[in-house]
Amino acid sequence: MIEMNNQAIRQRHQGYSLIELMIAITISLILMAGVGQIFLSTKTSYNLQNGLGRLQENARFALEILSQNIGQAGFTTNLDGIDNFDNANIKENETANATLGFTTASNTASDVIAINYTSATDCLGNATGGGGVATDRYYLNGSTLMCLGNGSGTPGALADGIDNMQILYGEDTDNDDVVNIFVNADNVTSWPNIKNVRIALLASTVDQMGTANQDTNTHVLLNTPVIGPLNDNMLRRVFSTTITIRN
């Protein structure tokens, strides 16, 4: 009777075997690997959606600022006879900004535009002085949209993640108040007949999105040569708008 009790006690106190422990550890590792994979996948998806959201926000903000400002050109009447859209204020493919690193940089360099309009402040909110005329110059510095106002003489950053900016001008060539053709600044025949300004932006994610998001696409902005593929860990989208000039 005592021997049977001792045997039962030994059975109750008998632990797991080494094989059972190894099986349990293996199952635990598999489960942990699955949880880790789900976490990484969720994090990657979140970063992707967050990057795309920021890309769209930057592009839309940049277009909104440009639209509001450019739309004021041609509306002013107290510029002492200076045409709001003249060759001194608009320049295309400026050499100083042809540094985006594309293979065809001379053909895809970002355009530059400057606008005169009546305002107490320039694009950066600085006072324009007693004349009340703002002159705002928009250009890209790397992948940042910049504005140089006349209130302070110091440029300011407006939006990040803007890789390229192209501009075309809608000209009324037969004086019927209807745009007949969109051309580059160099091909405009009569600046007072400009009725529309068409802008295209190539926006990118500010942060890299990982090797799975190589930019293998090509991008076309208005009438420029093809840009890309750039083969970097960024995502890009093209945004465009047409702005009516109140001539």
C-alpha atoms as a PDB file:
ATOM      1  CA  MET A   1       0.000   0.000   0.000  1.00  0.00           C
ATOM      2  CA  ILE A   2       2.823   2.371   0.915  1.00  0.00           C
ATOM      3  CA  GLU A   3       4.686   1.443  -2.280  1.00  0.00           C
ATOM      4  CA  MET A   4       1.619   2.236  -4.399  1.00  0.00           C
ATOM      5  CA  ASN A   5       1.284   5.656  -2.712  1.00  0.00           C
ATOM      6  CA  ASN A   6       4.954   6.461  -3.376  1.00  0.00           C
ATOM      7  CA  GLN A   7       4.529   5.519  -7.033  1.00  0.00           C
ATOM      8  CA  ALA A   8       1.480   7.787  -7.335  1.00  0.00           C
ATOM      9  CA  ILE A   9       3.408  10.655  -5.729  1.00  0.00           C
ATOM     10  CA  ARG A  10       6.290  10.183  -8.154  1.00  0.00           C
ATOM     11  CA  GLN A  11       3.863  10.283 -11.082  1.00  0.00           C
ATOM     12  CA  ARG A  12       2.274  13.465  -9.783  1.00  0.00           C
ATOM     13  CA  HIS A  13       5.682  15.172  -9.419  1.00  0.00           C
ATOM     14  CA  GLN A  14       7.033  13.966 -12.738  1.00  0.00           C
ATOM     15  CA  GLY A  15       7.927  17.036 -14.969  1.00  0.00           C
ATOM     16  CA  TYR A  16       7.940  17.568 -18.738  1.00  0.00           C
ATOM     17  CA  SER A  17      10.400  15.685 -20.802  1.00  0.00           C
ATOM     18  CA  LEU A  18      13.088  17.435 -22.853  1.00  0.00           C
ATOM     19  CA  ILE A  19      11.240  16.647 -26.068  1.00  0.00           C
ATOM     20  CA  GLU A  20       8.038  18.194 -24.739  1.00  0.00           C
ATOM     21  CA  LEU A  21       9.918  21.336 -23.717  1.00  0.00           C
ATOM     22  CA  MET A  22      11.532  21.625 -27.142  1.00  0.00           C
ATOM     23  CA  ILE A  23       8.156  21.239 -28.852  1.00  0.00           C
ATOM     24  CA  ALA A  24       6.625  23.912 -26.622  1.00  0.00           C
ATOM     25  CA  ILE A  25       9.525  26.320 -27.279  1.00  0.00           C
ATOM     26  CA  THR A  26       9.280  25.727 -31.032  1.00  0.00           C
ATOM     27  CA  ILE A  27       5.552  26.441 -31.039  1.00  0.00           C
ATOM     28  CA  SER A  28       6.140  29.593 -28.989  1.00  0.00           C
ATOM     29  CA  LEU A  29       8.811  30.795 -31.420  1.00  0.00           C
ATOM     30  CA  ILE A  30       6.508  30.219 -34.381  1.00  0.00           C
ATOM     31  CA  LEU A  31       3.744  32.188 -32.678  1.00  0.00           C
ATOM     32  CA  MET A  32       6.149  35.022 -31.781  1.00  0.00           C
ATOM     33  CA  ALA A  33       7.444  35.129 -35.367  1.00  0.00           C
ATOM     34  CA  GLY A  34       3.858  35.436 -36.623  1.00  0.00           C
ATOM     35  CA  VAL A  35       3.099  38.237 -34.181  1.00  0.00           C
ATOM     36  CA  GLY A  36       6.319  40.026 -35.190  1.00  0.00           C
ATOM     37  CA  GLN A  37       5.473  39.690 -38.879  1.00  0.00           C
ATOM     38  CA  ILE A  38       2.006  41.140 -38.276  1.00  0.00           C
ATOM     39  CA  PHE A  39       3.552  44.034 -36.341  1.00  0.00           C
ATOM     40  CA  LEU A  40       6.078  44.797 -39.084  1.00  0.00           C
ATOM     41  CA  SER A  41       3.409  44.573 -41.769  1.00  0.00           C
ATOM     42  CA  THR A  42       1.107  46.896 -39.834  1.00  0.00           C
ATOM     43  CA  LYS A  43       3.938  49.367 -39.212  1.00  0.00           C
ATOM     44  CA  THR A  44       4.936  49.348 -42.894  1.00  0.00           C
ATOM     45  CA  SER A  45       1.349  49.910 -43.966  1.00  0.00           C
ATOM     46  CA  TYR A  46       0.961  52.758 -41.473  1.00  0.00           C
ATOM     47  CA  ASN A  47       4.188  54.440 -42.630  1.00  0.00           C
ATOM     48  CA  LEU A  48       3.097  54.073 -46.260  1.00  0.00           C
ATOM     49  CA  GLN A  49      -0.331  55.614 -45.670  1.00  0.00           C
ATOM     50  CA  ASN A  50       1.147  58.344 -43.500  1.00  0.00           C
ATOM     51  CA  GLY A  51       3.766  59.156 -46.155  1.00  0.00           C
ATOM     52  CA  LEU A  52       1.176  59.319 -48.920  1.00  0.00           C
ATOM     53  CA  GLY A  53      -1.078  61.483 -46.780  1.00  0.00           C
ATOM     54  CA  ARG A  54       1.733  63.930 -46.104  1.00  0.00           C
ATOM     55  CA  LEU A  55       2.672  63.920 -49.798  1.00  0.00           C
ATOM     56  CA  GLN A  56      -0.871  64.888 -50.799  1.00  0.00           C
ATOM     57  CA  GLU A  57      -1.095  67.497 -48.060  1.00  0.00           C
ATOM     58  CA  ASN A  58       2.164  69.187 -49.134  1.00  0.00           C
ATOM     59  CA  ALA A  59       1.200  69.196 -52.819  1.00  0.00           C
ATOM     60  CA  ARG A  60      -2.283  70.566 -52.211  1.00  0.00           C
ATOM     61  CA  PHE A  61      -0.978  73.237 -49.870  1.00  0.00           C
ATOM     62  CA  ALA A  62       1.639  74.296 -52.421  1.00  0.00           C
ATOM     63  CA  LEU A  63      -0.949  74.495 -55.205  1.00  0.00           C
ATOM     64  CA  GLU A  64      -3.333  76.430 -52.984  1.00  0.00           C
ATOM     65  CA  ILE A  65      -0.686  79.026 -52.131  1.00  0.00           C
ATOM     66  CA  LEU A  66       0.375  79.372 -55.770  1.00  0.00           C
ATOM     67  CA  SER A  67      -3.233  79.578 -56.967  1.00  0.00           C
ATOM     68  CA  GLN A  68      -4.172  82.279 -54.491  1.00  0.00           C
ATOM     69  CA  ASN A  69      -1.125  84.374 -55.295  1.00  0.00           C
ATOM     70  CA  ILE A  70      -0.989  83.934 -59.064  1.00  0.00           C
ATOM     71  CA  GLY A  71      -4.704  84.577 -59.324  1.00  0.00           C
ATOM     72  CA  GLN A  72      -4.107  88.120 -58.096  1.00  0.00           C
ATOM     73  CA  ALA A  73      -1.754  88.992 -60.946  1.00  0.00           C
ATOM     74  CA  GLY A  74      -3.364  91.083 -63.651  1.00  0.00           C
ATOM     75  CA  PHE A  75      -5.931  92.389 -61.187  1.00  0.00           C
ATOM     76  CA  THR A  76      -3.936  95.327 -59.900  1.00  0.00           C
ATOM     77  CA  THR A  77      -4.067  98.806 -61.423  1.00  0.00           C
ATOM     78  CA  ASN A  78      -1.450 100.818 -59.564  1.00  0.00           C
ATOM     79  CA  LEU A  79       1.825  99.339 -60.785  1.00  0.00           C
ATOM     80  CA  ASP A  80       2.821 102.479 -62.709  1.00  0.00           C
ATOM     81  CA  GLY A  81       2.328 100.804 -66.062  1.00  0.00           C
ATOM     82  CA  ILE A  82       4.463  97.747 -65.269  1.00  0.00           C
ATOM     83  CA  ASP A  83       2.926  94.645 -66.811  1.00  0.00           C
ATOM     84  CA  ASN A  84       2.328  92.052 -64.097  1.00  0.00           C
ATOM     85  CA  PHE A  85       3.447  89.287 -66.424  1.00  0.00           C
ATOM     86  CA  ASP A  86       6.593  90.430 -68.160  1.00  0.00           C
ATOM     87  CA  ASN A  87       9.843  88.710 -69.003  1.00  0.00           C
ATOM     88  CA  ALA A  88      11.606  90.371 -66.085  1.00  0.00           C
ATOM     89  CA  ASN A  89       9.264  88.714 -63.613  1.00  0.00           C
ATOM     90  CA  ILE A  90       8.917  85.258 -65.149  1.00  0.00           C
ATOM     91  CA  LYS A  91      11.766  82.990 -66.032  1.00  0.00           C
ATOM     92  CA  GLU A  92      11.763  79.363 -67.081  1.00  0.00           C
ATOM     93  CA  ASN A  93      14.384  76.705 -66.417  1.00  0.00           C
ATOM     94  CA  GLU A  94      16.587  78.991 -64.381  1.00  0.00           C
ATOM     95  CA  THR A  95      20.144  77.678 -64.221  1.00  0.00           C
ATOM     96  CA  ALA A  96      20.423  78.218 -60.476  1.00  0.00           C
ATOM     97  CA  ASN A  97      17.601  75.742 -59.875  1.00  0.00           C
ATOM     98  CA  ALA A  98      18.653  73.076 -62.386  1.00  0.00           C
ATOM     99  CA  THR A  99      20.147  70.951 -59.635  1.00  0.00           C
ATOM    100  CA  LEU A 100      17.548  68.251 -59.065  1.00  0.00           C
ATOM    101  CA  GLY A 101      19.852  65.531 -60.272  1.00  0.00           C
ATOM    102  CA  PHE A 102      17.768  64.197 -63.130  1.00  0.00           C
ATOM    103  CA  THR A 103      19.554  62.824 -66.143  1.00  0.00           C
ATOM    104  CA  THR A 104      17.981  65.450 -68.409  1.00  0.00           C
ATOM    105  CA  ALA A 105      18.301  68.295 -65.917  1.00  0.00           C
ATOM    106  CA  SER A 106      18.544  70.984 -68.580  1.00  0.00           C
ATOM    107  CA  ASN A 107      15.159  69.988 -69.967  1.00  0.00           C
ATOM    108  CA  THR A 108      13.335  69.183 -66.742  1.00  0.00           C
ATOM    109  CA  ALA A 109      14.668  71.907 -64.463  1.00  0.00           C
ATOM    110  CA  SER A 110      11.995  73.509 -62.349  1.00  0.00           C
ATOM    111  CA  ASP A 111      10.417  76.735 -63.544  1.00  0.00           C
ATOM    112  CA  VAL A 112      10.384  79.999 -61.617  1.00  0.00           C
ATOM    113  CA  ILE A 113       7.578  82.526 -61.428  1.00  0.00           C
ATOM    114  CA  ALA A 114       7.255  85.947 -59.823  1.00  0.00           C
ATOM    115  CA  ILE A 115       4.049  87.924 -59.348  1.00  0.00           C
ATOM    116  CA  ASN A 116       3.406  91.596 -58.699  1.00  0.00           C
ATOM    117  CA  TYR A 117       0.165  92.519 -56.975  1.00  0.00           C
ATOM    118  CA  THR A 118      -1.252  95.114 -54.624  1.00  0.00           C
ATOM    119  CA  SER A 119      -0.860  93.992 -51.024  1.00  0.00           C
ATOM    120  CA  ALA A 120       0.337  95.297 -47.682  1.00  0.00           C
ATOM    121  CA  THR A 121       2.312  92.050 -47.145  1.00  0.00           C
ATOM    122  CA  ASP A 122       4.283  89.658 -49.320  1.00  0.00           C
ATOM    123  CA  CYS A 123       4.062  85.861 -49.503  1.00  0.00           C
ATOM    124  CA  LEU A 124       5.826  85.516 -46.141  1.00  0.00           C
ATOM    125  CA  GLY A 125       3.631  88.029 -44.353  1.00  0.00           C
ATOM    126  CA  ASN A 126       6.257  90.769 -44.304  1.00  0.00           C
ATOM    127  CA  ALA A 127       5.176  94.365 -44.887  1.00  0.00           C
ATOM    128  CA  THR A 128       5.763  95.553 -48.442  1.00  0.00           C
ATOM    129  CA  GLY A 129       6.293  99.175 -47.466  1.00  0.00           C
ATOM    130  CA  GLY A 130       4.664 102.423 -48.499  1.00  0.00           C
ATOM    131  CA  GLY A 131       4.148 101.394 -52.139  1.00  0.00           C
ATOM    132  CA  GLY A 132       1.811  98.572 -51.164  1.00  0.00           C
ATOM    133  CA  VAL A 133       2.983  96.367 -54.046  1.00  0.00           C
ATOM    134  CA  ALA A 134       4.168  92.818 -53.320  1.00  0.00           C
ATOM    135  CA  THR A 135       6.595  90.966 -55.567  1.00  0.00           C
ATOM    136  CA  ASP A 136       6.684  87.257 -54.746  1.00  0.00           C
ATOM    137  CA  ARG A 137       9.105  84.894 -56.453  1.00  0.00           C
ATOM    138  CA  TYR A 138       8.417  81.151 -56.245  1.00  0.00           C
ATOM    139  CA  TYR A 139      11.084  78.541 -56.951  1.00  0.00           C
ATOM    140  CA  LEU A 140      12.389  75.192 -55.737  1.00  0.00           C
ATOM    141  CA  ASN A 141      15.426  74.770 -53.548  1.00  0.00           C
ATOM    142  CA  GLY A 142      16.125  71.057 -53.752  1.00  0.00           C
ATOM    143  CA  SER A 143      12.734  69.543 -52.868  1.00  0.00           C
ATOM    144  CA  THR A 144      11.384  72.570 -51.016  1.00  0.00           C
ATOM    145  CA  LEU A 145       9.055  75.172 -52.484  1.00  0.00           C
ATOM    146  CA  MET A 146      10.463  78.583 -51.572  1.00  0.00           C
ATOM    147  CA  CYS A 147       9.149  82.111 -51.775  1.00  0.00           C
ATOM    148  CA  LEU A 148      11.257  85.246 -51.904  1.00  0.00           C
ATOM    149  CA  GLY A 149       9.146  88.246 -51.003  1.00  0.00           C
ATOM    150  CA  ASN A 150      10.104  91.892 -51.127  1.00  0.00           C
ATOM    151  CA  GLY A 151       9.314  92.618 -47.496  1.00  0.00           C
ATOM    152  CA  SER A 152      12.408  91.103 -45.907  1.00  0.00           C
ATOM    153  CA  GLY A 153      14.703  89.968 -48.713  1.00  0.00           C
ATOM    154  CA  THR A 154      15.046  86.568 -47.040  1.00  0.00           C
ATOM    155  CA  PRO A 155      13.409  83.535 -48.726  1.00  0.00           C
ATOM    156  CA  GLY A 156      11.145  81.271 -46.736  1.00  0.00           C
ATOM    157  CA  ALA A 157      10.164  77.612 -47.106  1.00  0.00           C
ATOM    158  CA  LEU A 158       6.523  76.925 -47.945  1.00  0.00           C
ATOM    159  CA  ALA A 159       6.257  73.175 -48.590  1.00  0.00           C
ATOM    160  CA  ASP A 160       8.547  70.142 -48.494  1.00  0.00           C
ATOM    161  CA  GLY A 161       8.575  67.168 -50.818  1.00  0.00           C
ATOM    162  CA  ILE A 162       8.161  69.120 -54.073  1.00  0.00           C
ATOM    163  CA  ASP A 163      10.694  67.648 -56.499  1.00  0.00           C
ATOM    164  CA  ASN A 164       9.755  69.546 -59.636  1.00  0.00           C
ATOM    165  CA  MET A 165       7.553  72.444 -60.765  1.00  0.00           C
ATOM    166  CA  GLN A 166       6.567  73.122 -64.360  1.00  0.00           C
ATOM    167  CA  ILE A 167       4.523  76.075 -65.626  1.00  0.00           C
ATOM    168  CA  LEU A 168       2.699  76.787 -68.868  1.00  0.00           C
ATOM    169  CA  TYR A 169       0.868  79.969 -69.845  1.00  0.00           C
ATOM    170  CA  GLY A 170      -2.491  80.008 -71.600  1.00  0.00           C
ATOM    171  CA  GLU A 171      -2.461  82.676 -74.297  1.00  0.00           C
ATOM    172  CA  ASP A 172      -5.385  84.191 -76.181  1.00  0.00           C
ATOM    173  CA  THR A 173      -3.871  84.591 -79.640  1.00  0.00           C
ATOM    174  CA  ASP A 174      -6.938  85.971 -81.452  1.00  0.00           C
ATOM    175  CA  ASN A 175      -8.300  88.377 -78.808  1.00  0.00           C
ATOM    176  CA  ASP A 176     -11.586  86.542 -78.217  1.00  0.00           C
ATOM    177  CA  ASP A 177     -10.948  86.059 -74.463  1.00  0.00           C
ATOM    178  CA  VAL A 178     -10.474  82.320 -74.962  1.00  0.00           C
ATOM    179  CA  VAL A 179      -7.144  80.558 -74.476  1.00  0.00           C
ATOM    180  CA  ASN A 180      -5.908  79.093 -77.742  1.00  0.00           C
ATOM    181  CA  ILE A 181      -2.598  77.605 -76.671  1.00  0.00           C
ATOM    182  CA  PHE A 182      -0.508  76.800 -73.611  1.00  0.00           C
ATOM    183  CA  VAL A 183       3.179  77.597 -74.056  1.00  0.00           C
ATOM    184  CA  ASN A 184       6.407  77.998 -72.124  1.00  0.00           C
ATOM    185  CA  ALA A 185       7.419  81.445 -70.926  1.00  0.00           C
ATOM    186  CA  ASP A 186       9.933  81.774 -73.759  1.00  0.00           C
ATOM    187  CA  ASN A 187       7.213  81.193 -76.361  1.00  0.00           C
ATOM    188  CA  VAL A 188       4.671  83.727 -75.117  1.00  0.00           C
ATOM    189  CA  THR A 189       4.031  86.333 -77.818  1.00  0.00           C
ATOM    190  CA  SER A 190       1.932  88.779 -75.764  1.00  0.00           C
ATOM    191  CA  TRP A 191       2.007  88.752 -71.966  1.00  0.00           C
ATOM    192  CA  PRO A 192      -1.120  90.948 -71.606  1.00  0.00           C
ATOM    193  CA  ASN A 193      -3.019  88.193 -73.466  1.00  0.00           C
ATOM    194  CA  ILE A 194      -2.187  85.540 -70.869  1.00  0.00           C
ATOM    195  CA  LYS A 195      -5.494  84.255 -69.460  1.00  0.00           C
ATOM    196  CA  ASN A 196      -4.441  81.119 -67.574  1.00  0.00           C
ATOM    197  CA  VAL A 197      -1.439  79.696 -65.793  1.00  0.00           C
ATOM    198  CA  ARG A 198      -1.123  75.911 -65.655  1.00  0.00           C
ATOM    199  CA  ILE A 199       1.125  74.447 -62.961  1.00  0.00           C
ATOM    200  CA  ALA A 200       2.229  70.849 -62.411  1.00  0.00           C
ATOM    201  CA  LEU A 201       4.090  69.643 -59.326  1.00  0.00           C
ATOM    202  CA  LEU A 202       5.960  66.390 -58.807  1.00  0.00           C
ATOM    203  CA  ALA A 203       5.529  65.635 -55.106  1.00  0.00           C
ATOM    204  CA  SER A 204       7.388  62.947 -53.177  1.00  0.00           C
ATOM    205  CA  THR A 205       7.221  61.413 -49.729  1.00  0.00           C
ATOM    206  CA  VAL A 206       9.459  63.328 -47.361  1.00  0.00           C
ATOM    207  CA  ASP A 207      10.789  60.132 -45.766  1.00  0.00           C
ATOM    208  CA  GLN A 208      12.011  57.004 -47.520  1.00  0.00           C
ATOM    209  CA  MET A 209       9.426  54.224 -47.739  1.00  0.00           C
ATOM    210  CA  GLY A 210      11.765  51.241 -47.844  1.00  0.00           C
ATOM    211  CA  THR A 211      13.204  49.147 -50.668  1.00  0.00           C
ATOM    212  CA  ALA A 212       9.770  47.687 -51.458  1.00  0.00           C
ATOM    213  CA  ASN A 213       8.711  51.141 -52.690  1.00  0.00           C
ATOM    214  CA  GLN A 214      11.329  51.843 -55.316  1.00  0.00           C
ATOM    215  CA  ASP A 215      10.183  54.639 -57.643  1.00  0.00           C
ATOM    216  CA  THR A 216      10.391  52.692 -60.888  1.00  0.00           C
ATOM    217  CA  ASN A 217       7.708  54.831 -62.553  1.00  0.00           C
ATOM    218  CA  THR A 218       8.177  57.617 -65.072  1.00  0.00           C
ATOM    219  CA  HIS A 219       6.587  61.022 -64.554  1.00  0.00           C
ATOM    220  CA  VAL A 220       5.506  63.605 -67.104  1.00  0.00           C
ATOM    221  CA  LEU A 221       4.803  67.201 -66.096  1.00  0.00           C
ATOM    222  CA  LEU A 222       3.010  69.150 -68.823  1.00  0.00           C
ATOM    223  CA  ASN A 223       5.281  69.398 -71.892  1.00  0.00           C
ATOM    224  CA  THR A 224       8.584  68.416 -70.255  1.00  0.00           C
ATOM    225  CA  PRO A 225      10.595  65.300 -71.112  1.00  0.00           C
ATOM    226  CA  VAL A 226       9.971  62.174 -69.087  1.00  0.00           C
ATOM    227  CA  ILE A 227      11.363  62.202 -65.539  1.00  0.00           C
ATOM    228  CA  GLY A 228      12.535  58.907 -64.059  1.00  0.00           C
ATOM    229  CA  PRO A 229      12.558  56.178 -63.171  1.00  0.00           C
ATOM    230  CA  LEU A 230      14.492  57.493 -60.186  1.00  0.00           C
ATOM    231  CA  ASN A 231      14.880  54.113 -58.450  1.00  0.00           C
ATOM    232  CA  ASP A 232      14.948  55.450 -54.905  1.00  0.00           C
ATOM    233  CA  ASN A 233      12.931  54.506 -51.834  1.00  0.00           C
ATOM    234  CA  MET A 234      10.370  57.260 -52.348  1.00  0.00           C
ATOM    235  CA  LEU A 235       6.832  57.475 -53.675  1.00  0.00           C
ATOM    236  CA  ARG A 236       5.802  60.260 -56.064  1.00  0.00           C
ATOM    237  CA  ARG A 237       2.629  61.699 -57.528  1.00  0.00           C
ATOM    238  CA  VAL A 238       1.945  64.444 -60.089  1.00  0.00           C
ATOM    239  CA  PHE A 239      -0.505  67.214 -59.167  1.00  0.00           C
ATOM    240  CA  SER A 240      -1.660  69.968 -61.485  1.00  0.00           C
ATOM    241  CA  THR A 241      -4.069  72.883 -61.629  1.00  0.00           C
ATOM    242  CA  THR A 242      -5.049  75.698 -63.981  1.00  0.00           C
ATOM    243  CA  ILE A 243      -5.353  79.229 -62.577  1.00  0.00           C
ATOM    244  CA  THR A 244      -7.411  81.938 -64.202  1.00  0.00           C
ATOM    245  CA  ILE A 245      -5.765  85.338 -64.486  1.00  0.00           C
ATOM    246  CA  ARG A 246      -8.141  88.224 -63.939  1.00  0.00           C
ATOM    247  CA  ASN A 247      -6.872  90.395 -66.790  1.00  0.00           C
END
